[in-house]
Amino acid sequence: MFCLTAATRIYLYRGICDMRKSFDGLCGIVRSALEEDPLSGSLFVFVNRRRSMVKLLYWDRDGLALWYKRLERGHFTLPDLYPQDGRIERRELTMLLEGIVPKKVEKRYKY
């Protein structure tokens, strides 16, 4: 199981990802499309065309780890608004994985 802290940066790849890709293929996407280092300790999220599968790639202190989830029914709902660099927040990832579709999300505190 992976641990998300407040300092963990999460990047969502908005393109279509071939779910047959493994560590090397996903690292190539991270380097070329997201322009990030896969060994930086960040978490990278990939979704397939039908949005029924999601893969998470992250560096786990001594090697890369891959987390994979496939839905039997329905699809994942991606966040509507996101910065150009693809960064999303921890709560957006949690809502994506849990299947929560927010109508309106407001932060209590604005930084």
N, C-alpha and C. Protein backbone atom coordinates (compact mmCIF):
# COMPACT_ATOMS: atom_id res chain seq x y z
N MET A 1 0.85 -1.18 0.00
CA MET A 1 0.00 0.00 0.00
C MET A 1 0.89 1.24 0.00
N PHE A 2 0.43 2.26 -0.66
CA PHE A 2 1.21 3.48 -0.73
C PHE A 2 0.67 4.49 0.27
N CYS A 3 1.55 5.38 0.69
CA CYS A 3 1.19 6.39 1.69
C CYS A 3 1.26 7.77 1.03
N LEU A 4 0.16 8.49 1.13
CA LEU A 4 0.13 9.85 0.59
C LEU A 4 0.27 10.84 1.73
N THR A 5 1.25 11.70 1.62
CA THR A 5 1.41 12.76 2.60
C THR A 5 1.03 14.08 1.93
N ALA A 6 0.98 15.11 2.72
CA ALA A 6 0.66 16.43 2.16
C ALA A 6 1.75 16.92 1.21
N ALA A 7 2.96 16.41 1.37
CA ALA A 7 4.07 16.84 0.52
C ALA A 7 4.16 16.06 -0.79
N THR A 8 3.39 14.98 -0.93
CA THR A 8 3.44 14.18 -2.15
C THR A 8 2.80 14.93 -3.31
N ARG A 9 3.56 15.08 -4.39
CA ARG A 9 3.02 15.71 -5.59
C ARG A 9 2.36 14.64 -6.44
N ILE A 10 1.17 14.93 -6.95
CA ILE A 10 0.41 13.97 -7.74
C ILE A 10 0.18 14.58 -9.11
N TYR A 11 0.53 13.82 -10.15
CA TYR A 11 0.38 14.28 -11.53
C TYR A 11 -0.57 13.35 -12.25
N LEU A 12 -1.55 13.94 -12.95
CA LEU A 12 -2.51 13.19 -13.74
C LEU A 12 -2.16 13.37 -15.21
N TYR A 13 -1.91 12.27 -15.89
CA TYR A 13 -1.65 12.31 -17.33
C TYR A 13 -3.01 12.34 -18.03
N ARG A 14 -3.30 13.43 -18.72
CA ARG A 14 -4.61 13.63 -19.32
C ARG A 14 -4.77 12.96 -20.68
N GLY A 15 -3.71 12.45 -21.24
CA GLY A 15 -3.81 11.75 -22.52
C GLY A 15 -4.33 10.34 -22.33
N ILE A 16 -4.48 9.66 -23.44
CA ILE A 16 -4.93 8.26 -23.40
C ILE A 16 -3.71 7.38 -23.20
N CYS A 17 -3.82 6.47 -22.25
CA CYS A 17 -2.68 5.61 -21.93
C CYS A 17 -3.02 4.16 -22.26
N ASP A 18 -2.09 3.49 -22.91
CA ASP A 18 -2.23 2.07 -23.19
C ASP A 18 -1.94 1.32 -21.89
N MET A 19 -2.90 0.59 -21.38
CA MET A 19 -2.75 -0.09 -20.10
C MET A 19 -1.83 -1.31 -20.18
N ARG A 20 -1.34 -1.65 -21.37
CA ARG A 20 -0.36 -2.73 -21.47
C ARG A 20 1.03 -2.24 -21.08
N LYS A 21 1.21 -0.93 -20.99
CA LYS A 21 2.51 -0.38 -20.62
C LYS A 21 2.81 -0.72 -19.17
N SER A 22 4.07 -0.99 -18.92
CA SER A 22 4.51 -1.28 -17.56
C SER A 22 5.47 -0.19 -17.12
N PHE A 23 6.40 -0.53 -16.27
CA PHE A 23 7.29 0.45 -15.66
C PHE A 23 8.02 1.33 -16.68
N ASP A 24 8.70 0.71 -17.64
CA ASP A 24 9.51 1.48 -18.59
C ASP A 24 8.66 2.35 -19.50
N GLY A 25 7.54 1.82 -19.98
CA GLY A 25 6.66 2.60 -20.85
C GLY A 25 6.04 3.79 -20.13
N LEU A 26 5.61 3.57 -18.88
CA LEU A 26 5.01 4.67 -18.12
C LEU A 26 6.07 5.70 -17.72
N CYS A 27 7.29 5.25 -17.42
CA CYS A 27 8.37 6.19 -17.12
C CYS A 27 8.68 7.05 -18.35
N GLY A 28 8.58 6.47 -19.54
CA GLY A 28 8.78 7.24 -20.76
C GLY A 28 7.73 8.33 -20.92
N ILE A 29 6.48 8.03 -20.58
CA ILE A 29 5.42 9.03 -20.64
C ILE A 29 5.68 10.14 -19.62
N VAL A 30 6.11 9.75 -18.43
CA VAL A 30 6.39 10.74 -17.38
C VAL A 30 7.48 11.69 -17.84
N ARG A 31 8.54 11.14 -18.42
CA ARG A 31 9.66 11.99 -18.86
C ARG A 31 9.30 12.86 -20.05
N SER A 32 8.59 12.30 -21.03
CA SER A 32 8.34 13.06 -22.27
C SER A 32 7.12 13.97 -22.16
N ALA A 33 5.99 13.46 -21.72
CA ALA A 33 4.76 14.25 -21.72
C ALA A 33 4.63 15.15 -20.50
N LEU A 34 4.94 14.61 -19.32
CA LEU A 34 4.81 15.40 -18.09
C LEU A 34 6.07 16.17 -17.74
N GLU A 35 7.19 15.82 -18.39
CA GLU A 35 8.48 16.45 -18.16
C GLU A 35 8.88 16.44 -16.69
N GLU A 36 8.71 15.28 -16.07
CA GLU A 36 9.07 15.08 -14.67
C GLU A 36 9.98 13.86 -14.56
N ASP A 37 10.61 13.72 -13.41
CA ASP A 37 11.47 12.58 -13.13
C ASP A 37 10.65 11.52 -12.39
N PRO A 38 10.53 10.31 -12.93
CA PRO A 38 9.75 9.28 -12.25
C PRO A 38 10.34 8.85 -10.91
N LEU A 39 11.61 9.16 -10.67
CA LEU A 39 12.26 8.78 -9.42
C LEU A 39 12.22 9.89 -8.38
N SER A 40 11.40 10.90 -8.61
CA SER A 40 11.35 12.06 -7.72
C SER A 40 10.53 11.84 -6.46
N GLY A 41 9.79 10.74 -6.39
CA GLY A 41 8.93 10.50 -5.23
C GLY A 41 7.51 10.96 -5.46
N SER A 42 7.23 11.51 -6.64
CA SER A 42 5.88 11.93 -6.97
C SER A 42 5.04 10.72 -7.39
N LEU A 43 3.74 10.91 -7.40
CA LEU A 43 2.79 9.87 -7.80
C LEU A 43 2.22 10.26 -9.16
N PHE A 44 2.22 9.33 -10.10
CA PHE A 44 1.75 9.60 -11.46
C PHE A 44 0.54 8.72 -11.76
N VAL A 45 -0.52 9.34 -12.26
CA VAL A 45 -1.81 8.66 -12.49
C VAL A 45 -2.07 8.58 -13.99
N PHE A 46 -2.43 7.38 -14.47
CA PHE A 46 -2.71 7.13 -15.87
C PHE A 46 -4.07 6.45 -16.00
N VAL A 47 -4.86 6.87 -17.00
CA VAL A 47 -6.20 6.32 -17.22
C VAL A 47 -6.31 5.88 -18.67
N ASN A 48 -7.05 4.81 -18.93
CA ASN A 48 -7.22 4.33 -20.30
C ASN A 48 -8.30 5.12 -21.03
N ARG A 49 -8.52 4.81 -22.30
CA ARG A 49 -9.46 5.54 -23.15
C ARG A 49 -10.89 5.49 -22.61
N ARG A 50 -11.35 4.31 -22.18
CA ARG A 50 -12.71 4.18 -21.67
C ARG A 50 -12.85 4.62 -20.22
N ARG A 51 -11.73 4.97 -19.59
CA ARG A 51 -11.67 5.40 -18.19
C ARG A 51 -12.21 4.33 -17.24
N SER A 52 -12.00 3.07 -17.59
CA SER A 52 -12.40 1.97 -16.73
C SER A 52 -11.21 1.39 -15.96
N MET A 53 -10.00 1.83 -16.29
CA MET A 53 -8.79 1.36 -15.63
C MET A 53 -7.91 2.54 -15.26
N VAL A 54 -7.23 2.40 -14.14
CA VAL A 54 -6.29 3.44 -13.70
C VAL A 54 -5.03 2.75 -13.18
N LYS A 55 -3.89 3.37 -13.47
CA LYS A 55 -2.60 2.89 -12.95
C LYS A 55 -1.93 4.05 -12.23
N LEU A 56 -1.31 3.73 -11.11
CA LEU A 56 -0.52 4.71 -10.35
C LEU A 56 0.91 4.22 -10.33
N LEU A 57 1.82 5.09 -10.69
CA LEU A 57 3.26 4.78 -10.69
C LEU A 57 3.93 5.69 -9.68
N TYR A 58 4.76 5.12 -8.81
CA TYR A 58 5.47 5.93 -7.83
C TYR A 58 6.77 5.25 -7.42
N TRP A 59 7.68 6.06 -6.92
CA TRP A 59 8.97 5.58 -6.43
C TRP A 59 8.81 5.24 -4.95
N ASP A 60 9.14 4.01 -4.59
CA ASP A 60 8.96 3.53 -3.23
C ASP A 60 10.31 3.27 -2.56
N ARG A 61 11.08 4.30 -2.34
CA ARG A 61 12.38 4.31 -1.66
C ARG A 61 13.44 3.42 -2.29
N ASP A 62 13.10 2.23 -2.73
CA ASP A 62 14.12 1.36 -3.30
C ASP A 62 13.75 0.80 -4.67
N GLY A 63 12.65 1.26 -5.23
CA GLY A 63 12.25 0.82 -6.56
C GLY A 63 10.91 1.41 -6.96
N LEU A 64 10.59 1.25 -8.22
CA LEU A 64 9.31 1.73 -8.71
C LEU A 64 8.20 0.75 -8.32
N ALA A 65 7.03 1.30 -8.03
CA ALA A 65 5.87 0.48 -7.69
C ALA A 65 4.71 0.88 -8.59
N LEU A 66 3.87 -0.08 -8.90
CA LEU A 66 2.74 0.13 -9.79
C LEU A 66 1.48 -0.36 -9.10
N TRP A 67 0.47 0.50 -9.08
CA TRP A 67 -0.83 0.16 -8.48
C TRP A 67 -1.85 0.23 -9.59
N TYR A 68 -2.75 -0.75 -9.67
CA TYR A 68 -3.64 -0.89 -10.80
C TYR A 68 -5.05 -1.17 -10.31
N LYS A 69 -6.04 -0.49 -10.88
CA LYS A 69 -7.43 -0.73 -10.51
C LYS A 69 -8.27 -0.78 -11.78
N ARG A 70 -9.14 -1.80 -11.86
CA ARG A 70 -10.05 -1.95 -13.00
C ARG A 70 -11.48 -2.01 -12.48
N LEU A 71 -12.35 -1.22 -13.08
CA LEU A 71 -13.75 -1.21 -12.70
C LEU A 71 -14.51 -2.25 -13.52
N GLU A 72 -15.41 -2.96 -12.88
CA GLU A 72 -16.25 -3.91 -13.59
C GLU A 72 -17.42 -3.21 -14.28
N ARG A 73 -17.92 -2.13 -13.67
CA ARG A 73 -18.99 -1.33 -14.26
C ARG A 73 -18.67 0.14 -14.05
N GLY A 74 -19.09 0.98 -14.99
CA GLY A 74 -18.89 2.42 -14.85
C GLY A 74 -17.51 2.85 -15.32
N HIS A 75 -17.20 4.09 -14.98
CA HIS A 75 -15.90 4.65 -15.36
C HIS A 75 -15.45 5.69 -14.34
N PHE A 76 -14.16 5.97 -14.36
CA PHE A 76 -13.59 6.97 -13.49
C PHE A 76 -13.93 8.36 -14.02
N THR A 77 -14.24 9.29 -13.13
CA THR A 77 -14.53 10.66 -13.52
C THR A 77 -13.30 11.51 -13.20
N LEU A 78 -12.72 12.10 -14.24
CA LEU A 78 -11.53 12.92 -14.07
C LEU A 78 -11.91 14.32 -13.61
N PRO A 79 -11.03 14.97 -12.85
CA PRO A 79 -11.30 16.36 -12.44
C PRO A 79 -11.40 17.27 -13.66
N ASP A 80 -12.32 18.22 -13.60
CA ASP A 80 -12.52 19.13 -14.73
C ASP A 80 -11.40 20.15 -14.85
N LEU A 81 -11.06 20.77 -13.74
CA LEU A 81 -10.05 21.82 -13.76
C LEU A 81 -8.73 21.27 -13.24
N TYR A 82 -7.68 21.57 -13.95
CA TYR A 82 -6.35 21.16 -13.52
C TYR A 82 -5.34 22.09 -14.15
N PRO A 83 -4.22 22.30 -13.48
CA PRO A 83 -3.17 23.16 -14.05
C PRO A 83 -2.53 22.51 -15.28
N GLN A 84 -1.81 23.30 -16.04
CA GLN A 84 -1.16 22.82 -17.25
C GLN A 84 -0.14 21.72 -16.96
N ASP A 85 0.50 21.75 -15.81
CA ASP A 85 1.51 20.73 -15.51
C ASP A 85 0.90 19.40 -15.11
N GLY A 86 -0.43 19.32 -14.96
CA GLY A 86 -1.10 18.07 -14.65
C GLY A 86 -1.22 17.76 -13.18
N ARG A 87 -0.78 18.67 -12.32
CA ARG A 87 -0.84 18.38 -10.87
C ARG A 87 -2.27 18.41 -10.37
N ILE A 88 -2.60 17.43 -9.55
CA ILE A 88 -3.88 17.41 -8.88
C ILE A 88 -3.62 17.27 -7.38
N GLU A 89 -4.63 17.51 -6.59
CA GLU A 89 -4.48 17.43 -5.15
C GLU A 89 -4.87 16.04 -4.65
N ARG A 90 -4.51 15.77 -3.42
CA ARG A 90 -4.76 14.48 -2.80
C ARG A 90 -6.26 14.17 -2.76
N ARG A 91 -7.07 15.17 -2.45
CA ARG A 91 -8.51 14.92 -2.37
C ARG A 91 -9.09 14.62 -3.74
N GLU A 92 -8.54 15.21 -4.81
CA GLU A 92 -9.01 14.91 -6.16
C GLU A 92 -8.68 13.47 -6.55
N LEU A 93 -7.51 13.00 -6.15
CA LEU A 93 -7.15 11.61 -6.41
C LEU A 93 -8.06 10.68 -5.63
N THR A 94 -8.32 10.99 -4.38
CA THR A 94 -9.20 10.16 -3.56
C THR A 94 -10.60 10.09 -4.17
N MET A 95 -11.12 11.23 -4.60
CA MET A 95 -12.45 11.23 -5.22
C MET A 95 -12.45 10.44 -6.53
N LEU A 96 -11.38 10.53 -7.30
CA LEU A 96 -11.27 9.79 -8.54
C LEU A 96 -11.32 8.29 -8.27
N LEU A 97 -10.53 7.82 -7.30
CA LEU A 97 -10.46 6.39 -7.01
C LEU A 97 -11.72 5.86 -6.32
N GLU A 98 -12.40 6.70 -5.55
CA GLU A 98 -13.60 6.28 -4.83
C GLU A 98 -14.86 6.42 -5.67
N GLY A 99 -14.78 7.11 -6.80
CA GLY A 99 -15.94 7.27 -7.66
C GLY A 99 -16.86 8.41 -7.26
N ILE A 100 -16.34 9.36 -6.54
CA ILE A 100 -17.14 10.50 -6.11
C ILE A 100 -17.14 11.55 -7.22
N VAL A 101 -18.32 12.01 -7.59
CA VAL A 101 -18.45 13.04 -8.61
C VAL A 101 -18.90 14.32 -7.91
N PRO A 102 -17.99 15.25 -7.69
CA PRO A 102 -18.37 16.46 -6.97
C PRO A 102 -19.13 17.44 -7.85
N LYS A 103 -20.16 18.02 -7.30
CA LYS A 103 -20.87 19.09 -8.00
C LYS A 103 -20.19 20.42 -7.73
N LYS A 104 -19.73 20.59 -6.49
CA LYS A 104 -19.03 21.82 -6.13
C LYS A 104 -18.11 21.49 -4.95
N VAL A 105 -16.86 21.82 -5.11
CA VAL A 105 -15.89 21.58 -4.05
C VAL A 105 -15.24 22.90 -3.71
N GLU A 106 -15.32 23.28 -2.46
CA GLU A 106 -14.67 24.52 -2.01
C GLU A 106 -13.72 24.20 -0.86
N LYS A 107 -12.62 24.89 -0.84
CA LYS A 107 -11.69 24.76 0.27
C LYS A 107 -12.14 25.68 1.38
N ARG A 108 -11.95 25.21 2.58
CA ARG A 108 -12.28 26.03 3.73
C ARG A 108 -11.31 27.20 3.85
N TYR A 109 -10.04 26.91 3.58
CA TYR A 109 -9.02 27.93 3.67
C TYR A 109 -8.36 28.09 2.31
N LYS A 110 -8.11 29.30 1.92
CA LYS A 110 -7.40 29.55 0.66
C LYS A 110 -6.02 30.05 1.01
N TYR A 111 -5.02 29.47 0.35
CA TYR A 111 -3.64 29.85 0.64
C TYR A 111 -3.16 30.88 -0.33
